[in-house]
Amino acid sequence: MNKLKNIPVVKKELIFPFIIITSLFALWGIANDLTNPMVSAFKKVMPELSNVQASLVQFAFYFGYFFMALPAALFIRKYSYKSGIIVGLVLYATGAFLFYPAAANEEFNYFLISLWIITCGLAFLETTSNPLILSLGDKETATQRLNLAQAFNPIGSLTGMIIAQVFVIGALRSDDYSVEAYNALSSEELAVIRENDLSIISIPYIGLGILVLAIMGIIIFTKMPKTPQEDKMGLKESFSKLFANKNYVYGVIAQAFYVGAQIMCWTYIFQYVDNVNTTYGMEITATYFNVAAMVLFLIGRWIGTALMKTINPSKLLMLFGIGGVICAAGAILLQGMPGLISLVAISVFMSIMFPTIYGIALKNMGDEAKIGSAGLVMAIVGGALMPVLQGSILDWGGSGFSDVQVLGFIPEVNFSFILPLICLAVVAFYGYKTYQLSKN
């Protein structure tokens, strides 16, 4: 391990391109965490939606990764990383601008299509940026370097959360009414409120589209670094090597479970807080706790990146996975604020998981890493599937969040976090297995 201390994470001559590429990590963080609260927002603006229907926001958003990751990998394999980045930014901006006609038509399905197009763009960006960061330096520090780059993703996520709270959640007129008062409004009043609120939801995305175009302009005129040339192999050979690599295959599975856990924890914290407010007569704001979770996530990632100088990444992944399981159990079993604090604390332990799984799974790969990267990005589909399952648990007894008491004392919203617990246990097991392999 002393050897790692003498190897720079990023070489001096690569610092500027590293910064330019790392800025993209913040850019997709904004989109991710601007969208997470939209499940709750659409449910308030369109109360006719069930919890499962509202969760289709996350399904549409994260399914784009699964759909586009492999085409993105094939594209950059034929052309270049820079071309992949530009295509990703074009799709990102297009999806963001489509929020305007979606709001004008007041059609929920149009919003879902817009979100799907955004993530088709994000799939290009993630499939391109992650392996590019891994290649910008020594192989021994690749996982640490990716953790460093990914540490800027939560900065974008915090920005997205703040935008969501200030410009969307806090500005929704439909949120100013109780359920009874809202239902008592006339059809004309409801139509005005819906038109206003859907317009509010669309504005941040349109602004984001403008920002994306500005960044794309900078990247077009930026000379990207040349990456080490690997011997090209055929697609059939690439897939054969990948499927024969158990470390990689298990990494894709672990990544799917991790992303599912992350999206569930950051999406359904809003419903968790709503239940705490209703049960205990409190008036706490979910976004503030979501921001606290993201701050802890950012701190955890910086600490984790530093610890990797002396601790094996697989071992650290295992330990953080165990910590996440313990906190998820607290979110399920504890009531009120203690349970909410446990839910927020999960983010500390999730912090290093995505880049660490990514780095471990792609370790020592050659040309097949481009296709391998696509598999790990496709695994983000866990964020599309798991929230829908959790939403179905919330619908067990009706539209409320504690209509059913599991084992006589656990509200259904608390119990729904059994899914993140299982997901984090899978990640911990992957860390354990790869740590055992690394010792051998």
Protein backbone atom coordinates (compact mmCIF):
# COMPACT_ATOMS: atom_id res chain seq x y z
CA MET A 1 0.00 0.00 0.00
CA ASN A 2 2.96 2.36 0.53
CA LYS A 3 3.50 2.22 -3.20
CA LEU A 4 0.13 3.95 -3.78
CA LYS A 5 1.20 6.91 -1.66
CA ASN A 6 3.92 7.75 -4.19
CA ILE A 7 1.72 7.53 -7.29
CA PRO A 8 -0.19 10.77 -8.10
CA VAL A 9 -3.94 10.31 -8.49
CA VAL A 10 -3.86 12.77 -11.41
CA LYS A 11 -0.66 13.73 -13.24
CA LYS A 12 0.06 17.47 -13.51
CA GLU A 13 -0.19 17.50 -17.29
CA LEU A 14 -3.67 15.91 -17.10
CA ILE A 15 -5.18 18.14 -14.40
CA PHE A 16 -7.00 20.51 -16.79
CA PRO A 17 -8.67 17.80 -18.93
CA PHE A 18 -9.47 15.96 -15.69
CA ILE A 19 -11.29 19.07 -14.42
CA ILE A 20 -13.21 19.53 -17.70
CA ILE A 21 -14.39 15.93 -17.75
CA THR A 22 -15.15 15.96 -14.02
CA SER A 23 -17.51 18.91 -14.56
CA LEU A 24 -19.82 16.49 -16.38
CA PHE A 25 -20.19 14.46 -13.17
CA ALA A 26 -21.75 17.51 -11.50
CA LEU A 27 -23.95 18.08 -14.55
CA TRP A 28 -25.71 14.72 -14.37
CA GLY A 29 -25.90 15.07 -10.56
CA ILE A 30 -28.12 18.13 -11.09
CA ALA A 31 -30.49 16.15 -13.32
CA ASN A 32 -30.62 13.17 -10.95
CA ASP A 33 -31.54 15.12 -7.84
CA LEU A 34 -33.72 17.68 -9.52
CA THR A 35 -35.81 14.68 -10.64
CA ASN A 36 -35.94 12.68 -7.37
CA PRO A 37 -38.45 15.07 -5.69
CA MET A 38 -40.61 15.07 -8.82
CA VAL A 39 -42.28 11.82 -7.72
CA SER A 40 -43.71 13.72 -4.77
CA ALA A 41 -44.34 16.88 -6.83
CA PHE A 42 -46.35 15.16 -9.56
CA LYS A 43 -48.35 13.29 -6.91
CA LYS A 44 -49.37 16.64 -5.41
CA VAL A 45 -50.10 18.36 -8.72
CA MET A 46 -51.90 15.28 -10.10
CA PRO A 47 -53.52 13.65 -7.05
CA GLU A 48 -55.29 11.15 -9.29
CA LEU A 49 -51.93 9.36 -9.70
CA SER A 50 -51.26 6.38 -7.41
CA ASN A 51 -47.87 6.01 -5.69
CA VAL A 52 -46.89 3.44 -8.32
CA GLN A 53 -47.92 5.75 -11.18
CA ALA A 54 -45.99 8.67 -9.67
CA SER A 55 -42.93 6.41 -9.31
CA LEU A 56 -42.93 6.01 -13.11
CA VAL A 57 -41.02 9.32 -13.05
CA GLN A 58 -38.04 7.35 -11.77
CA PHE A 59 -38.75 4.42 -14.07
CA ALA A 60 -38.73 6.66 -17.16
CA PHE A 61 -35.67 8.52 -15.95
CA TYR A 62 -33.47 5.54 -15.13
CA PHE A 63 -34.70 3.25 -17.89
CA GLY A 64 -32.95 5.56 -20.36
CA TYR A 65 -29.62 4.36 -18.95
CA PHE A 66 -30.48 0.73 -19.67
CA PHE A 67 -31.75 1.50 -23.16
CA MET A 68 -28.89 3.73 -24.37
CA ALA A 69 -25.75 2.55 -22.53
CA LEU A 70 -24.78 -0.18 -25.00
CA PRO A 71 -25.44 1.95 -28.14
CA ALA A 72 -23.34 4.66 -26.47
CA ALA A 73 -20.49 2.22 -25.88
CA LEU A 74 -20.61 1.03 -29.49
CA PHE A 75 -20.63 4.66 -30.66
CA ILE A 76 -17.56 5.72 -28.69
CA ARG A 77 -15.84 2.47 -29.64
CA LYS A 78 -16.21 3.43 -33.32
CA TYR A 79 -15.64 7.17 -32.97
CA SER A 80 -14.23 8.87 -29.86
CA TYR A 81 -14.89 9.81 -26.28
CA LYS A 82 -15.37 13.46 -27.27
CA SER A 83 -18.00 12.55 -29.88
CA GLY A 84 -19.85 10.51 -27.25
CA ILE A 85 -19.84 13.45 -24.85
CA ILE A 86 -21.26 15.83 -27.47
CA VAL A 87 -24.05 13.41 -28.47
CA GLY A 88 -24.89 12.96 -24.78
CA LEU A 89 -25.14 16.70 -24.21
CA VAL A 90 -27.38 17.16 -27.29
CA LEU A 91 -29.81 14.51 -26.00
CA TYR A 92 -29.66 15.98 -22.49
CA ALA A 93 -30.59 19.46 -23.74
CA THR A 94 -33.32 18.12 -26.07
CA GLY A 95 -35.06 16.24 -23.26
CA ALA A 96 -34.86 19.28 -20.98
CA PHE A 97 -36.42 21.62 -23.58
CA LEU A 98 -39.25 19.12 -24.20
CA PHE A 99 -40.57 19.97 -20.74
CA TYR A 100 -42.08 23.12 -22.27
CA PRO A 101 -44.56 21.34 -24.60
CA ALA A 102 -45.18 18.73 -21.88
CA ALA A 103 -46.31 21.47 -19.49
CA ALA A 104 -48.31 23.24 -22.20
CA ASN A 105 -50.23 20.03 -22.95
CA GLU A 106 -50.52 19.09 -19.24
CA GLU A 107 -49.78 15.49 -20.16
CA PHE A 108 -47.96 13.28 -17.62
CA ASN A 109 -46.76 10.86 -20.31
CA TYR A 110 -45.04 13.70 -22.18
CA PHE A 111 -43.04 14.48 -19.05
CA LEU A 112 -42.03 10.82 -18.83
CA ILE A 113 -40.81 10.88 -22.45
CA SER A 114 -38.81 14.05 -21.77
CA LEU A 115 -37.14 12.46 -18.74
CA TRP A 116 -36.34 9.35 -20.77
CA ILE A 117 -34.60 11.41 -23.47
CA ILE A 118 -32.58 13.27 -20.82
CA THR A 119 -31.25 10.00 -19.47
CA CYS A 120 -30.47 8.66 -22.92
CA GLY A 121 -28.08 11.62 -22.96
CA LEU A 122 -26.82 10.88 -19.47
CA ALA A 123 -26.14 7.28 -20.53
CA PHE A 124 -23.78 8.63 -23.20
CA LEU A 125 -22.09 10.91 -20.66
CA GLU A 126 -21.62 8.23 -18.00
CA THR A 127 -20.56 5.52 -20.44
CA THR A 128 -17.94 7.95 -21.77
CA SER A 129 -16.74 9.84 -18.70
CA ASN A 130 -16.21 6.99 -16.23
CA PRO A 131 -13.75 4.92 -18.31
CA LEU A 132 -12.10 8.12 -19.56
CA ILE A 133 -11.35 9.15 -15.98
CA LEU A 134 -10.01 5.66 -15.24
CA SER A 135 -7.60 5.98 -18.16
CA LEU A 136 -6.20 9.40 -17.15
CA GLY A 137 -3.35 8.10 -15.04
CA ASP A 138 -1.78 5.08 -13.44
CA LYS A 139 -3.88 1.89 -13.27
CA GLU A 140 -3.03 1.47 -9.57
CA THR A 141 -4.83 4.70 -8.68
CA ALA A 142 -7.72 4.31 -11.16
CA THR A 143 -10.40 3.50 -8.57
CA GLN A 144 -9.19 6.31 -6.31
CA ARG A 145 -9.19 8.72 -9.27
CA LEU A 146 -12.76 7.79 -10.20
CA ASN A 147 -13.84 8.31 -6.57
CA LEU A 148 -12.23 11.76 -6.71
CA ALA A 149 -14.08 12.67 -9.91
CA GLN A 150 -17.33 11.21 -8.58
CA ALA A 151 -16.92 13.35 -5.44
CA PHE A 152 -18.01 16.32 -7.56
CA ASN A 153 -21.24 14.55 -8.52
CA PRO A 154 -22.84 15.31 -5.10
CA ILE A 155 -22.10 19.01 -5.63
CA GLY A 156 -24.34 18.88 -8.68
CA SER A 157 -26.83 16.79 -6.71
CA LEU A 158 -26.99 19.41 -3.96
CA THR A 159 -27.60 22.06 -6.60
CA GLY A 160 -30.42 19.97 -8.06
CA MET A 161 -31.99 19.48 -4.63
CA ILE A 162 -31.89 23.20 -3.82
CA ILE A 163 -33.38 24.11 -7.21
CA ALA A 164 -36.13 21.51 -6.66
CA GLN A 165 -37.01 22.89 -3.23
CA VAL A 166 -36.76 26.64 -3.96
CA PHE A 167 -38.13 26.76 -7.50
CA VAL A 168 -40.47 23.75 -7.55
CA ILE A 169 -41.61 22.18 -4.24
CA GLY A 170 -41.73 25.51 -2.39
CA ALA A 171 -43.57 27.23 -5.24
CA LEU A 172 -46.30 24.65 -5.94
CA ARG A 173 -49.75 26.10 -5.25
CA SER A 174 -51.26 22.62 -4.96
CA ASP A 175 -49.06 22.05 -1.91
CA ASP A 176 -50.75 24.95 -0.09
CA TYR A 177 -53.99 22.98 0.40
CA SER A 178 -54.94 20.05 2.57
CA VAL A 179 -56.37 17.03 0.74
CA GLU A 180 -59.89 18.01 1.80
CA ALA A 181 -59.50 21.67 0.80
CA TYR A 182 -57.96 20.72 -2.56
CA ASN A 183 -60.81 18.33 -3.35
CA ALA A 184 -63.34 21.05 -2.48
CA LEU A 185 -62.03 23.43 -5.17
CA SER A 186 -64.03 23.96 -8.34
CA SER A 187 -62.89 22.42 -11.62
CA GLU A 188 -61.94 25.89 -12.91
CA GLU A 189 -59.77 26.58 -9.83
CA LEU A 190 -58.13 23.16 -10.10
CA ALA A 191 -57.34 23.77 -13.79
CA VAL A 192 -55.63 27.09 -13.00
CA ILE A 193 -53.57 25.56 -10.22
CA ARG A 194 -52.53 22.59 -12.36
CA GLU A 195 -51.49 24.83 -15.27
CA ASN A 196 -49.45 27.00 -12.91
CA ASP A 197 -47.75 24.10 -11.14
CA LEU A 198 -46.84 22.16 -14.28
CA SER A 199 -45.28 25.32 -15.66
CA ILE A 200 -43.28 25.69 -12.44
CA ILE A 201 -42.02 22.10 -12.77
CA SER A 202 -40.85 22.74 -16.35
CA ILE A 203 -38.90 25.98 -15.78
CA PRO A 204 -35.80 24.48 -14.03
CA TYR A 205 -35.43 21.88 -16.77
CA ILE A 206 -35.56 24.53 -19.51
CA GLY A 207 -32.89 26.50 -17.63
CA LEU A 208 -30.84 23.32 -17.31
CA GLY A 209 -31.08 22.79 -21.08
CA ILE A 210 -29.56 26.24 -21.65
CA LEU A 211 -26.70 25.43 -19.24
CA VAL A 212 -26.03 22.13 -21.03
CA LEU A 213 -25.77 23.89 -24.41
CA ALA A 214 -23.28 26.39 -22.93
CA ILE A 215 -21.09 23.58 -21.56
CA MET A 216 -21.32 21.73 -24.87
CA GLY A 217 -19.98 24.82 -26.63
CA ILE A 218 -16.95 24.86 -24.34
CA ILE A 219 -16.28 21.14 -24.87
CA ILE A 220 -16.54 21.41 -28.67
CA PHE A 221 -13.60 23.84 -28.64
CA THR A 222 -11.63 21.91 -26.00
CA LYS A 223 -8.90 19.51 -27.09
CA MET A 224 -9.49 16.24 -25.30
CA PRO A 225 -6.49 14.16 -24.17
CA LYS A 226 -5.52 11.10 -26.14
CA THR A 227 -6.15 7.91 -24.20
CA PRO A 228 -3.84 4.90 -24.26
CA GLN A 229 -4.46 2.78 -27.33
CA GLU A 230 -5.50 -0.77 -26.63
CA ASP A 231 -5.54 -3.63 -29.10
CA LYS A 232 -8.98 -3.64 -30.68
CA MET A 233 -10.92 -6.84 -30.35
CA GLY A 234 -14.15 -7.95 -31.99
CA LEU A 235 -17.49 -7.49 -30.25
CA LYS A 236 -17.94 -11.24 -29.87
CA GLU A 237 -14.55 -11.54 -28.18
CA SER A 238 -15.31 -8.56 -25.92
CA PHE A 239 -18.61 -10.06 -24.75
CA SER A 240 -17.00 -13.48 -24.26
CA LYS A 241 -14.27 -12.03 -22.05
CA LEU A 242 -16.79 -9.97 -20.07
CA PHE A 243 -19.20 -12.83 -19.37
CA ALA A 244 -16.29 -15.09 -18.37
CA ASN A 245 -15.12 -12.47 -15.86
CA LYS A 246 -17.08 -13.23 -12.66
CA ASN A 247 -15.64 -10.16 -10.96
CA TYR A 248 -17.26 -8.05 -13.69
CA VAL A 249 -20.58 -9.93 -13.87
CA TYR A 250 -21.08 -9.75 -10.10
CA GLY A 251 -20.07 -6.09 -10.26
CA VAL A 252 -22.91 -5.33 -12.70
CA ILE A 253 -25.36 -7.08 -10.35
CA ALA A 254 -24.01 -5.20 -7.32
CA GLN A 255 -24.23 -1.91 -9.22
CA ALA A 256 -27.90 -2.50 -10.08
CA PHE A 257 -28.73 -3.14 -6.42
CA TYR A 258 -26.68 -0.15 -5.26
CA VAL A 259 -28.36 2.30 -7.63
CA GLY A 260 -31.76 0.92 -6.63
CA ALA A 261 -30.93 1.55 -2.96
CA GLN A 262 -29.71 5.08 -3.64
CA ILE A 263 -32.73 6.15 -5.66
CA MET A 264 -35.19 4.62 -3.18
CA CYS A 265 -33.55 6.35 -0.21
CA TRP A 266 -33.44 9.75 -1.91
CA THR A 267 -36.90 9.50 -3.49
CA TYR A 268 -39.03 8.14 -0.66
CA ILE A 269 -37.50 10.29 2.06
CA PHE A 270 -40.26 12.76 1.07
CA GLN A 271 -42.98 10.21 1.86
CA TYR A 272 -41.14 9.19 5.04
CA VAL A 273 -41.14 12.82 6.22
CA ASP A 274 -44.81 13.27 5.26
CA ASN A 275 -45.66 10.31 7.50
CA VAL A 276 -43.57 11.70 10.39
CA ASN A 277 -45.32 15.06 10.04
CA THR A 278 -48.78 13.44 9.94
CA THR A 279 -48.15 10.99 12.80
CA TYR A 280 -46.41 13.36 15.19
CA GLY A 281 -48.00 16.69 14.19
CA MET A 282 -44.68 18.10 13.01
CA GLU A 283 -43.87 20.46 10.14
CA ILE A 284 -40.40 19.45 9.00
CA THR A 285 -39.27 19.93 5.39
CA ALA A 286 -38.13 16.81 3.56
CA THR A 287 -35.76 18.65 1.22
CA TYR A 288 -33.63 19.87 4.14
CA PHE A 289 -33.10 16.29 5.26
CA ASN A 290 -32.40 15.27 1.66
CA VAL A 291 -29.78 18.03 1.46
CA ALA A 292 -28.31 16.80 4.78
CA ALA A 293 -28.13 13.30 3.28
CA MET A 294 -26.29 14.66 0.25
CA VAL A 295 -23.84 16.62 2.40
CA LEU A 296 -23.09 13.43 4.34
CA PHE A 297 -22.78 11.61 1.02
CA LEU A 298 -20.22 14.16 -0.17
CA ILE A 299 -18.27 14.00 3.10
CA GLY A 300 -18.34 10.21 3.02
CA ARG A 301 -16.98 10.15 -0.52
CA TRP A 302 -14.09 12.48 0.31
CA ILE A 303 -13.26 10.44 3.41
CA GLY A 304 -13.59 7.18 1.51
CA THR A 305 -11.32 8.42 -1.29
CA ALA A 306 -8.67 9.34 1.30
CA LEU A 307 -9.02 5.99 3.09
CA MET A 308 -8.32 4.14 -0.15
CA LYS A 309 -4.70 5.22 0.11
CA THR A 310 -4.30 2.74 2.95
CA ILE A 311 -7.35 0.44 2.80
CA ASN A 312 -8.17 -2.02 0.03
CA PRO A 313 -11.17 -0.64 -1.96
CA SER A 314 -13.02 -3.97 -1.75
CA LYS A 315 -12.62 -4.11 2.02
CA LEU A 316 -13.83 -0.52 2.34
CA LEU A 317 -16.84 -1.34 0.13
CA MET A 318 -17.71 -4.28 2.40
CA LEU A 319 -17.47 -2.15 5.57
CA PHE A 320 -19.54 0.68 4.10
CA GLY A 321 -22.12 -1.87 2.90
CA ILE A 322 -22.48 -3.25 6.43
CA GLY A 323 -22.88 0.29 7.79
CA GLY A 324 -25.62 0.99 5.24
CA VAL A 325 -27.49 -2.19 6.23
CA ILE A 326 -27.43 -1.17 9.90
CA CYS A 327 -28.78 2.32 9.12
CA ALA A 328 -31.50 0.88 6.84
CA ALA A 329 -32.59 -1.38 9.70
CA GLY A 330 -32.85 1.74 11.88
CA ALA A 331 -35.03 3.48 9.26
CA ILE A 332 -37.38 0.48 9.35
CA LEU A 333 -37.57 -0.26 13.07
CA LEU A 334 -37.23 3.19 14.66
CA GLN A 335 -40.14 5.62 14.69
CA GLY A 336 -40.23 9.38 14.09
CA MET A 337 -37.04 11.41 14.08
CA PRO A 338 -34.68 8.54 15.09
CA GLY A 339 -35.85 6.57 12.06
CA LEU A 340 -35.49 9.62 9.80
CA ILE A 341 -31.96 10.26 11.08
CA SER A 342 -31.10 6.62 10.34
CA LEU A 343 -32.45 7.05 6.81
CA VAL A 344 -30.33 10.17 6.26
CA ALA A 345 -27.24 8.39 7.65
CA ILE A 346 -27.45 5.68 4.97
CA SER A 347 -26.00 8.23 2.54
CA VAL A 348 -22.65 8.24 4.36
CA PHE A 349 -22.20 4.58 3.55
CA MET A 350 -23.57 4.75 0.00
CA SER A 351 -21.04 7.47 -0.84
CA ILE A 352 -18.21 5.37 -2.27
CA MET A 353 -20.28 2.55 -3.73
CA PHE A 354 -20.89 3.53 -7.36
CA PRO A 355 -17.30 4.47 -8.34
CA THR A 356 -15.77 1.73 -6.21
CA ILE A 357 -17.91 -1.02 -7.75
CA TYR A 358 -17.16 0.51 -11.14
CA GLY A 359 -13.41 0.54 -10.57
CA ILE A 360 -13.28 -2.97 -9.10
CA ALA A 361 -15.41 -4.46 -11.88
CA LEU A 362 -13.31 -2.92 -14.70
CA LYS A 363 -9.92 -3.55 -13.09
CA ASN A 364 -7.18 -4.76 -15.46
CA MET A 365 -9.40 -4.62 -18.56
CA GLY A 366 -8.18 -3.63 -22.00
CA ASP A 367 -10.32 -2.75 -25.00
CA GLU A 368 -13.29 -4.65 -23.56
CA ALA A 369 -13.57 -1.93 -20.88
CA LYS A 370 -15.61 0.23 -23.31
CA ILE A 371 -18.29 -2.43 -23.61
CA GLY A 372 -17.84 -3.33 -19.94
CA SER A 373 -18.55 0.28 -19.02
CA ALA A 374 -21.87 0.03 -20.84
CA GLY A 375 -22.91 -2.94 -18.70
CA LEU A 376 -22.21 -1.00 -15.51
CA VAL A 377 -24.17 2.00 -16.79
CA MET A 378 -27.03 -0.28 -17.89
CA ALA A 379 -27.08 -1.52 -14.30
CA ILE A 380 -28.44 1.91 -13.36
CA VAL A 381 -31.78 0.40 -14.45
CA GLY A 382 -31.96 -0.71 -10.81
CA GLY A 383 -32.99 2.89 -10.16
CA ALA A 384 -35.92 2.43 -12.54
CA LEU A 385 -37.22 -0.87 -11.16
CA MET A 386 -36.71 -0.68 -7.40
CA PRO A 387 -38.67 2.56 -6.73
CA VAL A 388 -41.71 1.06 -8.48
CA LEU A 389 -41.52 -1.95 -6.13
CA GLN A 390 -41.24 0.37 -3.14
CA GLY A 391 -44.18 2.42 -4.42
CA SER A 392 -46.27 -0.77 -4.57
CA ILE A 393 -45.54 -1.36 -0.86
CA LEU A 394 -46.79 2.17 -0.11
CA ASP A 395 -50.02 1.34 -1.94
CA TRP A 396 -50.70 -1.75 0.22
CA GLY A 397 -53.42 -0.13 2.30
CA GLY A 398 -54.33 2.88 0.19
CA SER A 399 -52.85 6.24 -0.76
CA GLY A 400 -51.55 6.95 2.76
CA PHE A 401 -48.16 5.97 4.15
CA SER A 402 -49.19 4.13 7.33
CA ASP A 403 -52.45 2.48 6.27
CA VAL A 404 -50.89 -0.89 7.16
CA GLN A 405 -48.86 -1.62 10.29
CA VAL A 406 -46.44 -4.48 9.53
CA LEU A 407 -45.92 -6.73 12.59
CA GLY A 408 -48.34 -4.41 14.36
CA PHE A 409 -45.96 -1.47 14.79
CA ILE A 410 -44.03 -0.72 11.55
CA PRO A 411 -45.80 1.74 9.19
CA GLU A 412 -45.75 0.57 5.58
CA VAL A 413 -43.54 3.52 4.57
CA ASN A 414 -40.93 2.42 7.14
CA PHE A 415 -41.22 -1.22 6.11
CA SER A 416 -40.71 -0.30 2.44
CA PHE A 417 -37.06 0.41 3.26
CA ILE A 418 -36.52 -3.33 3.57
CA LEU A 419 -35.72 -3.08 -0.16
CA PRO A 420 -32.72 -0.71 0.27
CA LEU A 421 -31.54 -2.93 3.15
CA ILE A 422 -31.48 -5.99 0.89
CA CYS A 423 -29.75 -4.02 -1.88
CA LEU A 424 -27.00 -2.77 0.45
CA ALA A 425 -26.47 -6.29 1.77
CA VAL A 426 -25.77 -7.42 -1.81
CA VAL A 427 -23.17 -4.64 -2.18
CA ALA A 428 -21.50 -5.62 1.10
CA PHE A 429 -21.30 -9.23 -0.10
CA TYR A 430 -19.70 -8.12 -3.39
CA GLY A 431 -17.10 -6.18 -1.40
CA TYR A 432 -16.41 -9.27 0.73
CA LYS A 433 -16.03 -11.60 -2.27
CA THR A 434 -13.72 -9.29 -4.22
CA TYR A 435 -11.67 -8.61 -1.08
CA GLN A 436 -11.11 -12.33 -0.66
CA LEU A 437 -10.02 -12.55 -4.32
CA SER A 438 -7.64 -9.59 -3.96
CA LYS A 439 -5.93 -11.23 -0.99
CA ASN A 440 -5.33 -14.35 -3.07
